[in-house]
N, C-alpha and C. Protein backbone atom coordinates (compact mmCIF):
# COMPACT_ATOMS: atom_id res chain seq x y z
N UNK A 1 -8.55 27.08 10.15
CA UNK A 1 -8.17 25.71 9.90
C UNK A 1 -9.32 24.81 10.37
N UNK A 2 -9.61 23.78 9.62
CA UNK A 2 -10.73 22.92 9.98
C UNK A 2 -10.39 22.06 11.18
N UNK A 3 -11.44 21.60 11.88
CA UNK A 3 -11.24 20.71 13.03
C UNK A 3 -10.59 19.40 12.60
N UNK A 4 -10.87 18.99 11.39
CA UNK A 4 -10.30 17.73 10.90
C UNK A 4 -8.78 17.78 10.92
N UNK A 5 -8.20 18.90 10.51
CA UNK A 5 -6.75 19.01 10.45
C UNK A 5 -6.11 19.16 11.82
N UNK A 6 -6.82 19.73 12.77
CA UNK A 6 -6.26 19.94 14.10
C UNK A 6 -6.61 18.82 15.06
N UNK A 7 -7.52 17.95 14.69
CA UNK A 7 -7.95 16.84 15.54
C UNK A 7 -6.80 15.84 15.69
N UNK A 8 -6.60 15.37 16.92
CA UNK A 8 -5.56 14.33 17.08
C UNK A 8 -6.18 12.98 16.74
N UNK A 9 -5.39 12.12 16.15
CA UNK A 9 -5.89 10.84 15.69
C UNK A 9 -5.50 9.74 16.66
N UNK A 10 -6.36 8.73 16.76
CA UNK A 10 -6.08 7.58 17.61
C UNK A 10 -4.90 6.81 17.04
N UNK A 11 -4.13 6.21 17.93
CA UNK A 11 -3.03 5.37 17.47
C UNK A 11 -3.53 4.01 17.03
N UNK A 12 -4.61 3.54 17.60
CA UNK A 12 -5.18 2.26 17.18
C UNK A 12 -6.59 2.52 16.66
N UNK A 13 -6.93 1.90 15.54
CA UNK A 13 -8.27 2.12 14.98
C UNK A 13 -9.35 1.43 15.81
N UNK A 14 -10.58 1.86 15.61
CA UNK A 14 -11.72 1.20 16.27
C UNK A 14 -11.83 -0.22 15.73
N UNK A 15 -12.68 -1.01 16.34
CA UNK A 15 -12.87 -2.39 15.88
C UNK A 15 -13.34 -2.41 14.42
N UNK A 16 -14.29 -1.54 14.09
CA UNK A 16 -14.76 -1.43 12.70
C UNK A 16 -13.65 -0.96 11.78
N UNK A 17 -12.87 0.02 12.24
CA UNK A 17 -11.75 0.53 11.45
C UNK A 17 -10.70 -0.55 11.21
N UNK A 18 -10.45 -1.38 12.22
CA UNK A 18 -9.48 -2.46 12.08
C UNK A 18 -9.94 -3.48 11.04
N UNK A 19 -11.24 -3.79 11.02
CA UNK A 19 -11.79 -4.72 10.03
C UNK A 19 -11.61 -4.15 8.62
N UNK A 20 -11.90 -2.86 8.47
CA UNK A 20 -11.75 -2.20 7.17
C UNK A 20 -10.29 -2.20 6.74
N UNK A 21 -9.39 -1.86 7.67
CA UNK A 21 -7.96 -1.84 7.37
C UNK A 21 -7.47 -3.21 6.93
N UNK A 22 -7.85 -4.25 7.64
CA UNK A 22 -7.45 -5.61 7.27
C UNK A 22 -7.98 -6.01 5.90
N UNK A 23 -9.22 -5.62 5.59
CA UNK A 23 -9.80 -5.91 4.28
C UNK A 23 -9.03 -5.22 3.17
N UNK A 24 -8.68 -3.96 3.37
CA UNK A 24 -7.92 -3.22 2.37
C UNK A 24 -6.52 -3.81 2.19
N UNK A 25 -5.87 -4.17 3.29
CA UNK A 25 -4.54 -4.76 3.21
C UNK A 25 -4.57 -6.08 2.44
N UNK A 26 -5.59 -6.89 2.68
CA UNK A 26 -5.71 -8.17 1.97
C UNK A 26 -5.97 -7.94 0.49
N UNK A 27 -6.83 -6.97 0.16
CA UNK A 27 -7.14 -6.69 -1.24
C UNK A 27 -5.88 -6.24 -1.99
N UNK A 28 -5.09 -5.38 -1.38
CA UNK A 28 -3.86 -4.90 -2.02
C UNK A 28 -2.86 -6.04 -2.15
N UNK A 29 -2.72 -6.83 -1.11
CA UNK A 29 -1.81 -7.98 -1.15
C UNK A 29 -2.20 -8.94 -2.26
N UNK A 30 -3.49 -9.23 -2.38
CA UNK A 30 -3.98 -10.13 -3.43
C UNK A 30 -3.72 -9.55 -4.82
N UNK A 31 -3.95 -8.24 -4.98
CA UNK A 31 -3.73 -7.60 -6.28
C UNK A 31 -2.25 -7.62 -6.66
N UNK A 32 -1.37 -7.35 -5.71
CA UNK A 32 0.06 -7.39 -5.99
C UNK A 32 0.53 -8.81 -6.30
N UNK A 33 -0.02 -9.80 -5.61
CA UNK A 33 0.33 -11.19 -5.88
C UNK A 33 -0.12 -11.58 -7.29
N UNK A 34 -1.31 -11.15 -7.67
CA UNK A 34 -1.83 -11.45 -9.01
C UNK A 34 -0.93 -10.83 -10.08
N UNK A 35 -0.52 -9.58 -9.87
CA UNK A 35 0.37 -8.91 -10.82
C UNK A 35 1.68 -9.68 -10.93
N UNK A 36 2.21 -10.13 -9.79
CA UNK A 36 3.47 -10.88 -9.79
C UNK A 36 3.31 -12.18 -10.59
N UNK A 37 2.21 -12.90 -10.35
CA UNK A 37 1.98 -14.17 -11.06
C UNK A 37 1.79 -13.97 -12.56
N UNK A 38 1.22 -12.84 -12.96
CA UNK A 38 0.99 -12.55 -14.37
C UNK A 38 2.21 -11.93 -15.05
N UNK A 39 3.26 -11.69 -14.28
CA UNK A 39 4.47 -11.10 -14.85
C UNK A 39 4.37 -9.61 -15.08
N UNK A 40 3.46 -8.95 -14.38
CA UNK A 40 3.29 -7.51 -14.53
C UNK A 40 4.07 -6.78 -13.45
N UNK A 41 4.46 -5.55 -13.74
CA UNK A 41 5.15 -4.76 -12.73
C UNK A 41 4.13 -4.00 -11.89
N UNK A 42 4.59 -3.53 -10.75
CA UNK A 42 3.75 -2.69 -9.89
C UNK A 42 4.62 -1.57 -9.34
N UNK A 43 4.05 -0.40 -9.18
CA UNK A 43 4.75 0.71 -8.56
C UNK A 43 4.12 0.92 -7.20
N UNK A 44 4.97 0.88 -6.17
CA UNK A 44 4.51 1.06 -4.80
C UNK A 44 5.28 2.21 -4.17
N UNK A 45 4.85 2.65 -3.01
CA UNK A 45 5.53 3.71 -2.29
C UNK A 45 6.39 3.05 -1.21
N UNK A 46 7.70 3.29 -1.23
CA UNK A 46 8.61 2.66 -0.27
C UNK A 46 9.67 3.66 0.14
N UNK A 47 9.84 3.83 1.43
CA UNK A 47 10.86 4.75 1.98
C UNK A 47 10.73 6.17 1.41
N UNK A 48 9.49 6.62 1.23
CA UNK A 48 9.25 7.99 0.79
C UNK A 48 9.44 8.25 -0.69
N UNK A 49 9.51 7.18 -1.51
CA UNK A 49 9.72 7.37 -2.94
C UNK A 49 9.03 6.25 -3.72
N UNK A 50 8.68 6.51 -4.99
CA UNK A 50 8.10 5.43 -5.81
C UNK A 50 9.12 4.30 -5.97
N UNK A 51 8.63 3.09 -5.97
CA UNK A 51 9.48 1.90 -6.07
C UNK A 51 8.79 0.94 -7.01
N UNK A 52 9.52 0.44 -8.01
CA UNK A 52 8.92 -0.43 -9.01
C UNK A 52 9.39 -1.87 -8.81
N UNK A 53 8.43 -2.78 -8.81
CA UNK A 53 8.76 -4.20 -8.84
C UNK A 53 8.68 -4.59 -10.29
N UNK A 54 9.67 -5.32 -10.78
CA UNK A 54 9.68 -5.62 -12.21
C UNK A 54 8.89 -6.88 -12.54
N UNK A 55 8.80 -7.15 -13.82
CA UNK A 55 7.95 -8.22 -14.32
C UNK A 55 8.36 -9.61 -13.85
N UNK A 56 9.61 -9.81 -13.43
CA UNK A 56 10.02 -11.13 -12.93
C UNK A 56 9.70 -11.28 -11.45
N UNK A 57 9.13 -10.25 -10.84
CA UNK A 57 8.79 -10.31 -9.44
C UNK A 57 9.92 -9.86 -8.53
N UNK A 58 11.06 -9.46 -9.11
CA UNK A 58 12.16 -8.95 -8.31
C UNK A 58 11.95 -7.46 -8.07
N UNK A 59 12.46 -6.98 -7.00
CA UNK A 59 12.34 -5.55 -6.71
C UNK A 59 13.46 -4.79 -7.38
N UNK A 60 13.13 -3.63 -7.90
CA UNK A 60 14.14 -2.76 -8.50
C UNK A 60 13.75 -1.32 -8.24
N UNK A 61 14.74 -0.44 -8.23
CA UNK A 61 14.42 0.97 -8.03
C UNK A 61 13.97 1.56 -9.35
N UNK A 62 13.16 2.58 -9.27
CA UNK A 62 12.64 3.25 -10.45
C UNK A 62 13.47 4.48 -10.72
N UNK A 63 14.67 4.29 -11.26
CA UNK A 63 15.57 5.40 -11.52
C UNK A 63 15.50 5.75 -13.00
N UNK A 64 15.23 7.01 -13.30
CA UNK A 64 15.20 7.46 -14.67
C UNK A 64 15.97 8.73 -14.83
C-alpha cells in the first residue's frame, strides 16, 4: 500500500491550502449562482447521493 493511502491527514489545511480551498469554494459558488440566474439546473452531491437543483432555482431530488 502506498504511503499516500496510509498517511494521516491534517484536520486543518496549511495557509496555502486554505487560500486554495477558499478560491475553489468561491469559484463553485459563483458557477452555481450563474447557473441559477440563467435558469439552468445543476447536479451536486448531497447527503451521499446526487441531488439536482431545477431550472427555477428550487431544490429537488433526482429520482428516476
